[in-house]
Amino acid sequence: MSYRYCPFKHELGRLCKGLETATCKCAILSSAKVYLRHGRRGEKIPWHDPGFSERMLREHLSQAHDAASRRVEIIDKQVAWIHAAVLSGRPTRLVDLGCGPGLYTSRLAKLGHDCIGLDFSPASNAYANERNRVDQTRCIYLRQDIRMAD
């Protein structure tokens, strides 16, 4: 098993098995870079691939870093600002393109907004829909490539 130095601050200077074990963001970003380097020009990062999608969901939900999504305390502050400063505290309809696991839309829906989230990742979409069902928020999550969305 080969070790590489992790380029991320949380592991900086430590040996990392990320590529082999998928325990670090190295695994996700390295697989994306390999895909882009060896894929045909113009190909997308493989969000639709179940394994890649699951690894990215874990990174989105991680509270150890802000690489894929922000940590909860930051998201909460950003949502409060969007609600108050941008939306003037008035309920509205929102579309979140590339919503991932719905971390922003679910919070905005709890503040009275009607939200639609689009994302291409099957794992993130399934997570967002399950949270929506459990929390009974006013969100609709669609698995779509935003470049092709209606």
N, C-alpha and C. Protein backbone atom coordinates (compact mmCIF):
# COMPACT_ATOMS: atom_id res chain seq x y z
N MET A 1 0.85 -1.17 0.00
CA MET A 1 0.00 0.00 0.00
C MET A 1 0.90 1.24 0.00
N SER A 2 0.62 2.16 -0.90
CA SER A 2 1.44 3.37 -0.98
C SER A 2 0.83 4.48 -0.13
N TYR A 3 1.68 5.31 0.40
CA TYR A 3 1.24 6.45 1.20
C TYR A 3 1.64 7.72 0.45
N ARG A 4 0.82 8.73 0.59
CA ARG A 4 1.13 10.01 -0.01
C ARG A 4 0.87 11.10 1.02
N TYR A 5 1.57 12.20 0.87
CA TYR A 5 1.27 13.31 1.75
C TYR A 5 -0.05 13.92 1.34
N CYS A 6 -0.88 14.15 2.31
CA CYS A 6 -2.21 14.69 2.06
C CYS A 6 -2.09 16.20 1.83
N PRO A 7 -2.70 16.72 0.77
CA PRO A 7 -2.60 18.16 0.50
C PRO A 7 -3.60 19.00 1.32
N PHE A 8 -4.41 18.38 2.13
CA PHE A 8 -5.44 19.10 2.87
C PHE A 8 -4.97 19.46 4.26
N LYS A 9 -5.39 20.61 4.75
CA LYS A 9 -4.93 21.14 6.03
C LYS A 9 -5.15 20.18 7.18
N HIS A 10 -6.23 19.45 7.17
CA HIS A 10 -6.50 18.57 8.30
C HIS A 10 -5.52 17.41 8.39
N GLU A 11 -4.80 17.15 7.32
CA GLU A 11 -3.84 16.06 7.32
C GLU A 11 -2.45 16.54 6.89
N LEU A 12 -2.27 17.84 6.77
CA LEU A 12 -1.03 18.38 6.22
C LEU A 12 0.18 17.85 6.96
N GLY A 13 1.12 17.35 6.20
CA GLY A 13 2.35 16.85 6.75
C GLY A 13 2.27 15.43 7.28
N ARG A 14 1.10 14.82 7.24
CA ARG A 14 0.96 13.44 7.71
C ARG A 14 0.81 12.52 6.51
N LEU A 15 1.26 11.31 6.68
CA LEU A 15 1.09 10.33 5.60
C LEU A 15 -0.37 9.93 5.53
N CYS A 16 -0.86 9.77 4.33
CA CYS A 16 -2.28 9.52 4.14
C CYS A 16 -2.48 8.31 3.24
N LYS A 17 -3.42 7.46 3.62
CA LYS A 17 -3.78 6.29 2.80
C LYS A 17 -5.04 6.59 1.99
N GLY A 18 -5.39 7.86 1.86
CA GLY A 18 -6.65 8.27 1.26
C GLY A 18 -6.99 7.62 -0.06
N LEU A 19 -6.02 7.49 -0.95
CA LEU A 19 -6.32 6.93 -2.26
C LEU A 19 -6.76 5.47 -2.17
N GLU A 20 -6.22 4.76 -1.22
CA GLU A 20 -6.54 3.35 -1.10
C GLU A 20 -7.74 3.09 -0.19
N THR A 21 -7.93 3.94 0.83
CA THR A 21 -8.95 3.65 1.83
C THR A 21 -10.16 4.55 1.77
N ALA A 22 -10.10 5.61 1.02
CA ALA A 22 -11.19 6.58 0.91
C ALA A 22 -11.55 7.18 2.27
N THR A 23 -10.54 7.34 3.14
CA THR A 23 -10.79 7.92 4.45
C THR A 23 -10.51 9.41 4.46
N CYS A 24 -10.01 9.94 3.38
CA CYS A 24 -9.62 11.34 3.32
C CYS A 24 -10.12 11.91 2.00
N LYS A 25 -10.21 13.22 1.93
CA LYS A 25 -10.63 13.87 0.69
C LYS A 25 -9.70 13.55 -0.47
N CYS A 26 -8.48 13.12 -0.19
CA CYS A 26 -7.55 12.73 -1.26
C CYS A 26 -8.22 11.73 -2.20
N ALA A 27 -8.94 10.78 -1.62
CA ALA A 27 -9.56 9.72 -2.41
C ALA A 27 -10.56 10.30 -3.39
N ILE A 28 -11.35 11.23 -2.93
CA ILE A 28 -12.39 11.81 -3.78
C ILE A 28 -11.76 12.69 -4.85
N LEU A 29 -10.93 13.63 -4.43
CA LEU A 29 -10.36 14.56 -5.39
C LEU A 29 -9.38 13.87 -6.33
N SER A 30 -8.64 12.91 -5.83
CA SER A 30 -7.72 12.18 -6.70
C SER A 30 -8.47 11.39 -7.75
N SER A 31 -9.58 10.75 -7.35
CA SER A 31 -10.34 9.99 -8.35
C SER A 31 -10.93 10.92 -9.39
N ALA A 32 -11.34 12.12 -8.98
CA ALA A 32 -11.87 13.09 -9.95
C ALA A 32 -10.77 13.54 -10.90
N LYS A 33 -9.57 13.82 -10.37
CA LYS A 33 -8.47 14.25 -11.22
C LYS A 33 -8.05 13.15 -12.19
N VAL A 34 -7.98 11.92 -11.71
CA VAL A 34 -7.64 10.80 -12.59
C VAL A 34 -8.68 10.67 -13.69
N TYR A 35 -9.94 10.78 -13.33
CA TYR A 35 -11.01 10.69 -14.31
C TYR A 35 -10.87 11.78 -15.36
N LEU A 36 -10.61 13.01 -14.91
CA LEU A 36 -10.49 14.11 -15.86
C LEU A 36 -9.23 13.98 -16.71
N ARG A 37 -8.16 13.49 -16.11
CA ARG A 37 -6.91 13.36 -16.83
C ARG A 37 -7.00 12.27 -17.90
N HIS A 38 -7.66 11.16 -17.57
CA HIS A 38 -7.71 10.03 -18.49
C HIS A 38 -9.00 9.94 -19.29
N GLY A 39 -10.02 10.71 -18.88
CA GLY A 39 -11.28 10.71 -19.60
C GLY A 39 -11.17 11.53 -20.88
N ARG A 40 -12.19 11.44 -21.70
CA ARG A 40 -12.21 12.23 -22.92
C ARG A 40 -12.48 13.69 -22.56
N ARG A 41 -12.00 14.59 -23.37
CA ARG A 41 -12.19 16.01 -23.13
C ARG A 41 -13.68 16.33 -23.05
N GLY A 42 -14.05 17.11 -22.07
CA GLY A 42 -15.44 17.52 -21.91
C GLY A 42 -16.27 16.58 -21.07
N GLU A 43 -15.70 15.43 -20.65
CA GLU A 43 -16.48 14.52 -19.81
C GLU A 43 -16.67 15.12 -18.43
N LYS A 44 -17.77 14.74 -17.80
CA LYS A 44 -18.08 15.22 -16.47
C LYS A 44 -17.36 14.40 -15.42
N ILE A 45 -17.20 14.99 -14.22
CA ILE A 45 -16.77 14.21 -13.06
C ILE A 45 -17.87 13.19 -12.83
N PRO A 46 -17.55 11.97 -12.44
CA PRO A 46 -18.54 10.89 -12.40
C PRO A 46 -19.51 10.94 -11.19
N TRP A 47 -20.25 12.03 -11.05
CA TRP A 47 -21.20 12.14 -9.94
C TRP A 47 -22.22 11.01 -9.97
N HIS A 48 -22.55 10.54 -11.16
CA HIS A 48 -23.55 9.50 -11.32
C HIS A 48 -23.06 8.12 -10.87
N ASP A 49 -21.73 7.96 -10.73
CA ASP A 49 -21.17 6.69 -10.29
C ASP A 49 -21.51 6.47 -8.82
N PRO A 50 -22.16 5.36 -8.47
CA PRO A 50 -22.60 5.15 -7.08
C PRO A 50 -21.47 5.23 -6.05
N GLY A 51 -20.32 4.65 -6.34
CA GLY A 51 -19.21 4.69 -5.39
C GLY A 51 -18.68 6.10 -5.18
N PHE A 52 -18.48 6.81 -6.26
CA PHE A 52 -18.01 8.20 -6.18
C PHE A 52 -19.05 9.05 -5.46
N SER A 53 -20.31 8.84 -5.79
CA SER A 53 -21.40 9.60 -5.19
C SER A 53 -21.47 9.38 -3.67
N GLU A 54 -21.30 8.14 -3.24
CA GLU A 54 -21.31 7.83 -1.80
C GLU A 54 -20.13 8.48 -1.08
N ARG A 55 -18.95 8.44 -1.69
CA ARG A 55 -17.78 9.07 -1.07
C ARG A 55 -17.98 10.57 -0.95
N MET A 56 -18.53 11.19 -1.98
CA MET A 56 -18.76 12.63 -1.93
C MET A 56 -19.81 12.98 -0.87
N LEU A 57 -20.84 12.16 -0.73
CA LEU A 57 -21.85 12.42 0.31
C LEU A 57 -21.20 12.41 1.68
N ARG A 58 -20.33 11.45 1.93
CA ARG A 58 -19.63 11.41 3.23
C ARG A 58 -18.85 12.70 3.46
N GLU A 59 -18.22 13.20 2.40
CA GLU A 59 -17.46 14.45 2.54
C GLU A 59 -18.39 15.64 2.79
N HIS A 60 -19.53 15.67 2.11
CA HIS A 60 -20.51 16.75 2.33
C HIS A 60 -20.99 16.78 3.77
N LEU A 61 -21.18 15.62 4.36
CA LEU A 61 -21.73 15.53 5.70
C LEU A 61 -20.67 15.62 6.80
N SER A 62 -19.41 15.54 6.43
CA SER A 62 -18.33 15.56 7.42
C SER A 62 -18.28 16.92 8.12
N GLN A 63 -18.07 16.87 9.41
CA GLN A 63 -17.91 18.09 10.20
C GLN A 63 -16.42 18.36 10.49
N ALA A 64 -15.54 17.60 9.86
CA ALA A 64 -14.11 17.73 10.10
C ALA A 64 -13.46 18.79 9.21
N HIS A 65 -14.16 19.25 8.18
CA HIS A 65 -13.58 20.19 7.22
C HIS A 65 -14.69 20.92 6.47
N ASP A 66 -14.28 21.90 5.69
CA ASP A 66 -15.22 22.69 4.88
C ASP A 66 -14.99 22.45 3.39
N ALA A 67 -14.44 21.32 3.02
CA ALA A 67 -14.05 21.10 1.63
C ALA A 67 -15.23 20.85 0.70
N ALA A 68 -16.12 19.95 1.03
CA ALA A 68 -17.25 19.66 0.14
C ALA A 68 -18.45 20.54 0.48
N SER A 69 -18.79 20.64 1.74
CA SER A 69 -19.81 21.55 2.26
C SER A 69 -19.26 22.18 3.52
N ARG A 70 -19.82 23.29 3.87
CA ARG A 70 -19.40 23.96 5.10
C ARG A 70 -19.88 23.17 6.31
N ARG A 71 -19.25 23.43 7.45
CA ARG A 71 -19.70 22.83 8.70
C ARG A 71 -21.03 23.47 9.12
N VAL A 72 -21.78 22.74 9.93
CA VAL A 72 -23.14 23.13 10.31
C VAL A 72 -23.21 24.56 10.84
N GLU A 73 -22.29 24.93 11.73
CA GLU A 73 -22.38 26.28 12.31
C GLU A 73 -22.20 27.36 11.25
N ILE A 74 -21.41 27.10 10.23
CA ILE A 74 -21.23 28.07 9.15
C ILE A 74 -22.46 28.09 8.26
N ILE A 75 -22.99 26.92 7.92
CA ILE A 75 -24.21 26.85 7.10
C ILE A 75 -25.35 27.59 7.80
N ASP A 76 -25.50 27.37 9.10
CA ASP A 76 -26.57 28.05 9.84
C ASP A 76 -26.43 29.57 9.75
N LYS A 77 -25.22 30.09 9.88
CA LYS A 77 -25.00 31.54 9.77
C LYS A 77 -25.30 32.04 8.36
N GLN A 78 -24.87 31.28 7.35
CA GLN A 78 -25.11 31.68 5.97
C GLN A 78 -26.61 31.66 5.65
N VAL A 79 -27.30 30.65 6.11
CA VAL A 79 -28.75 30.56 5.87
C VAL A 79 -29.47 31.71 6.57
N ALA A 80 -29.08 32.03 7.79
CA ALA A 80 -29.70 33.16 8.51
C ALA A 80 -29.49 34.45 7.74
N TRP A 81 -28.29 34.64 7.19
CA TRP A 81 -28.01 35.84 6.40
C TRP A 81 -28.83 35.87 5.12
N ILE A 82 -28.89 34.76 4.40
CA ILE A 82 -29.68 34.68 3.17
C ILE A 82 -31.14 35.01 3.48
N HIS A 83 -31.67 34.39 4.53
CA HIS A 83 -33.07 34.60 4.91
C HIS A 83 -33.34 36.06 5.25
N ALA A 84 -32.49 36.67 6.06
CA ALA A 84 -32.73 38.04 6.53
C ALA A 84 -32.32 39.10 5.50
N ALA A 85 -31.10 39.02 5.01
CA ALA A 85 -30.57 40.09 4.16
C ALA A 85 -31.00 39.98 2.70
N VAL A 86 -30.99 38.78 2.16
CA VAL A 86 -31.31 38.61 0.74
C VAL A 86 -32.82 38.49 0.52
N LEU A 87 -33.48 37.71 1.37
CA LEU A 87 -34.91 37.43 1.18
C LEU A 87 -35.80 38.26 2.10
N SER A 88 -35.21 39.17 2.86
CA SER A 88 -35.94 40.07 3.76
C SER A 88 -36.87 39.34 4.71
N GLY A 89 -36.56 38.09 5.02
CA GLY A 89 -37.37 37.33 5.96
C GLY A 89 -38.74 36.93 5.44
N ARG A 90 -38.99 37.17 4.15
CA ARG A 90 -40.28 36.82 3.55
C ARG A 90 -40.18 35.48 2.82
N PRO A 91 -41.15 34.60 3.04
CA PRO A 91 -41.15 33.32 2.33
C PRO A 91 -41.16 33.53 0.82
N THR A 92 -40.38 32.72 0.14
CA THR A 92 -40.30 32.80 -1.31
C THR A 92 -40.02 31.42 -1.88
N ARG A 93 -39.97 31.33 -3.20
CA ARG A 93 -39.62 30.08 -3.87
C ARG A 93 -38.16 30.17 -4.30
N LEU A 94 -37.41 29.09 -4.01
CA LEU A 94 -35.99 29.07 -4.30
C LEU A 94 -35.61 27.84 -5.10
N VAL A 95 -34.61 27.98 -5.95
CA VAL A 95 -34.02 26.84 -6.65
C VAL A 95 -32.54 26.82 -6.29
N ASP A 96 -32.06 25.66 -5.86
CA ASP A 96 -30.65 25.48 -5.53
C ASP A 96 -30.07 24.51 -6.54
N LEU A 97 -29.25 25.04 -7.45
CA LEU A 97 -28.61 24.22 -8.48
C LEU A 97 -27.33 23.64 -7.91
N GLY A 98 -27.21 22.32 -7.95
CA GLY A 98 -26.06 21.67 -7.34
C GLY A 98 -26.21 21.64 -5.83
N CYS A 99 -27.39 21.28 -5.36
CA CYS A 99 -27.75 21.37 -3.94
C CYS A 99 -27.07 20.31 -3.07
N GLY A 100 -26.43 19.31 -3.68
CA GLY A 100 -25.82 18.26 -2.87
C GLY A 100 -26.87 17.60 -1.99
N PRO A 101 -26.55 17.38 -0.71
CA PRO A 101 -27.50 16.71 0.18
C PRO A 101 -28.58 17.63 0.76
N GLY A 102 -28.73 18.83 0.21
CA GLY A 102 -29.81 19.71 0.63
C GLY A 102 -29.57 20.43 1.95
N LEU A 103 -28.33 20.68 2.29
CA LEU A 103 -28.01 21.28 3.59
C LEU A 103 -28.53 22.71 3.73
N TYR A 104 -28.58 23.45 2.63
CA TYR A 104 -29.10 24.82 2.67
C TYR A 104 -30.61 24.83 2.46
N THR A 105 -31.08 24.10 1.47
CA THR A 105 -32.51 24.13 1.16
C THR A 105 -33.35 23.63 2.33
N SER A 106 -32.89 22.61 3.02
CA SER A 106 -33.68 22.09 4.14
C SER A 106 -33.81 23.14 5.24
N ARG A 107 -32.77 23.89 5.50
CA ARG A 107 -32.82 24.94 6.51
C ARG A 107 -33.70 26.10 6.06
N LEU A 108 -33.58 26.47 4.79
CA LEU A 108 -34.42 27.55 4.27
C LEU A 108 -35.90 27.15 4.27
N ALA A 109 -36.18 25.90 3.98
CA ALA A 109 -37.57 25.43 4.01
C ALA A 109 -38.14 25.51 5.42
N LYS A 110 -37.32 25.22 6.43
CA LYS A 110 -37.80 25.32 7.82
C LYS A 110 -38.11 26.76 8.21
N LEU A 111 -37.57 27.72 7.44
CA LEU A 111 -37.87 29.13 7.67
C LEU A 111 -39.05 29.62 6.84
N GLY A 112 -39.70 28.67 6.14
CA GLY A 112 -40.92 29.01 5.40
C GLY A 112 -40.79 29.12 3.90
N HIS A 113 -39.62 28.86 3.37
CA HIS A 113 -39.42 28.98 1.92
C HIS A 113 -39.76 27.66 1.23
N ASP A 114 -40.25 27.75 0.00
CA ASP A 114 -40.49 26.57 -0.84
C ASP A 114 -39.24 26.38 -1.69
N CYS A 115 -38.61 25.22 -1.58
CA CYS A 115 -37.31 25.00 -2.21
C CYS A 115 -37.33 23.83 -3.17
N ILE A 116 -36.62 24.02 -4.27
CA ILE A 116 -36.36 22.94 -5.22
C ILE A 116 -34.84 22.81 -5.30
N GLY A 117 -34.35 21.61 -5.13
CA GLY A 117 -32.92 21.35 -5.22
C GLY A 117 -32.63 20.38 -6.35
N LEU A 118 -31.66 20.71 -7.18
CA LEU A 118 -31.24 19.84 -8.26
C LEU A 118 -29.80 19.42 -8.04
N ASP A 119 -29.55 18.13 -8.19
CA ASP A 119 -28.19 17.62 -8.08
C ASP A 119 -28.10 16.32 -8.88
N PHE A 120 -26.91 16.05 -9.40
CA PHE A 120 -26.69 14.88 -10.26
C PHE A 120 -26.27 13.65 -9.48
N SER A 121 -25.93 13.82 -8.21
CA SER A 121 -25.42 12.73 -7.40
C SER A 121 -26.55 11.88 -6.83
N PRO A 122 -26.59 10.58 -7.14
CA PRO A 122 -27.67 9.75 -6.62
C PRO A 122 -27.64 9.64 -5.09
N ALA A 123 -26.47 9.59 -4.49
CA ALA A 123 -26.39 9.47 -3.03
C ALA A 123 -26.86 10.75 -2.35
N SER A 124 -26.44 11.90 -2.84
CA SER A 124 -26.87 13.16 -2.26
C SER A 124 -28.37 13.35 -2.44
N ASN A 125 -28.87 13.00 -3.61
CA ASN A 125 -30.30 13.13 -3.87
C ASN A 125 -31.12 12.24 -2.95
N ALA A 126 -30.69 11.01 -2.77
CA ALA A 126 -31.40 10.08 -1.88
C ALA A 126 -31.36 10.60 -0.44
N TYR A 127 -30.21 11.10 0.00
CA TYR A 127 -30.09 11.65 1.34
C TYR A 127 -31.04 12.84 1.52
N ALA A 128 -31.02 13.77 0.57
CA ALA A 128 -31.88 14.96 0.67
C ALA A 128 -33.35 14.57 0.71
N ASN A 129 -33.75 13.64 -0.13
CA ASN A 129 -35.15 13.21 -0.14
C ASN A 129 -35.54 12.51 1.16
N GLU A 130 -34.65 11.71 1.72
CA GLU A 130 -34.95 11.04 2.99
C GLU A 130 -35.07 12.06 4.12
N ARG A 131 -34.15 13.03 4.17
CA ARG A 131 -34.23 14.07 5.21
C ARG A 131 -35.52 14.87 5.04
N ASN A 132 -35.89 15.13 3.80
CA ASN A 132 -37.12 15.88 3.52
C ASN A 132 -38.34 15.10 4.03
N ARG A 133 -38.33 13.80 3.82
CA ARG A 133 -39.44 12.97 4.28
C ARG A 133 -39.51 12.96 5.81
N VAL A 134 -38.39 12.79 6.46
CA VAL A 134 -38.34 12.73 7.92
C VAL A 134 -38.69 14.08 8.54
N ASP A 135 -38.08 15.15 8.01
CA ASP A 135 -38.28 16.49 8.57
C ASP A 135 -39.57 17.15 8.10
N GLN A 136 -40.18 16.59 7.07
CA GLN A 136 -41.41 17.12 6.48
C GLN A 136 -41.26 18.59 6.09
N THR A 137 -40.18 18.88 5.38
CA THR A 137 -39.94 20.23 4.89
C THR A 137 -40.57 20.41 3.52
N ARG A 138 -40.65 21.65 3.11
CA ARG A 138 -41.26 21.97 1.82
C ARG A 138 -40.20 22.04 0.74
N CYS A 139 -39.60 20.90 0.48
CA CYS A 139 -38.55 20.82 -0.53
C CYS A 139 -38.91 19.75 -1.55
N ILE A 140 -38.45 19.98 -2.75
CA ILE A 140 -38.51 18.98 -3.81
C ILE A 140 -37.07 18.80 -4.28
N TYR A 141 -36.60 17.56 -4.25
CA TYR A 141 -35.24 17.28 -4.70
C TYR A 141 -35.31 16.42 -5.96
N LEU A 142 -34.64 16.89 -6.99
CA LEU A 142 -34.63 16.20 -8.27
C LEU A 142 -33.21 15.84 -8.64
N ARG A 143 -33.04 14.63 -9.13
CA ARG A 143 -31.72 14.19 -9.61
C ARG A 143 -31.64 14.53 -11.08
N GLN A 144 -30.95 15.63 -11.37
CA GLN A 144 -30.82 16.09 -12.75
C GLN A 144 -29.46 16.74 -12.93
N ASP A 145 -28.99 16.67 -14.15
CA ASP A 145 -27.81 17.42 -14.56
C ASP A 145 -28.29 18.85 -14.81
N ILE A 146 -27.76 19.82 -14.08
CA ILE A 146 -28.27 21.17 -14.18
C ILE A 146 -28.11 21.77 -15.57
N ARG A 147 -27.22 21.23 -16.37
CA ARG A 147 -27.07 21.72 -17.74
C ARG A 147 -28.22 21.28 -18.63
N MET A 148 -28.97 20.28 -18.18
CA MET A 148 -30.08 19.76 -18.99
C MET A 148 -31.44 19.99 -18.32
N ALA A 149 -31.46 20.69 -17.20
CA ALA A 149 -32.70 20.84 -16.41
C ALA A 149 -33.75 21.65 -17.17
N ASP A 150 -34.98 21.27 -16.92
CA ASP A 150 -36.12 21.99 -17.53
C ASP A 150 -36.54 23.14 -16.66
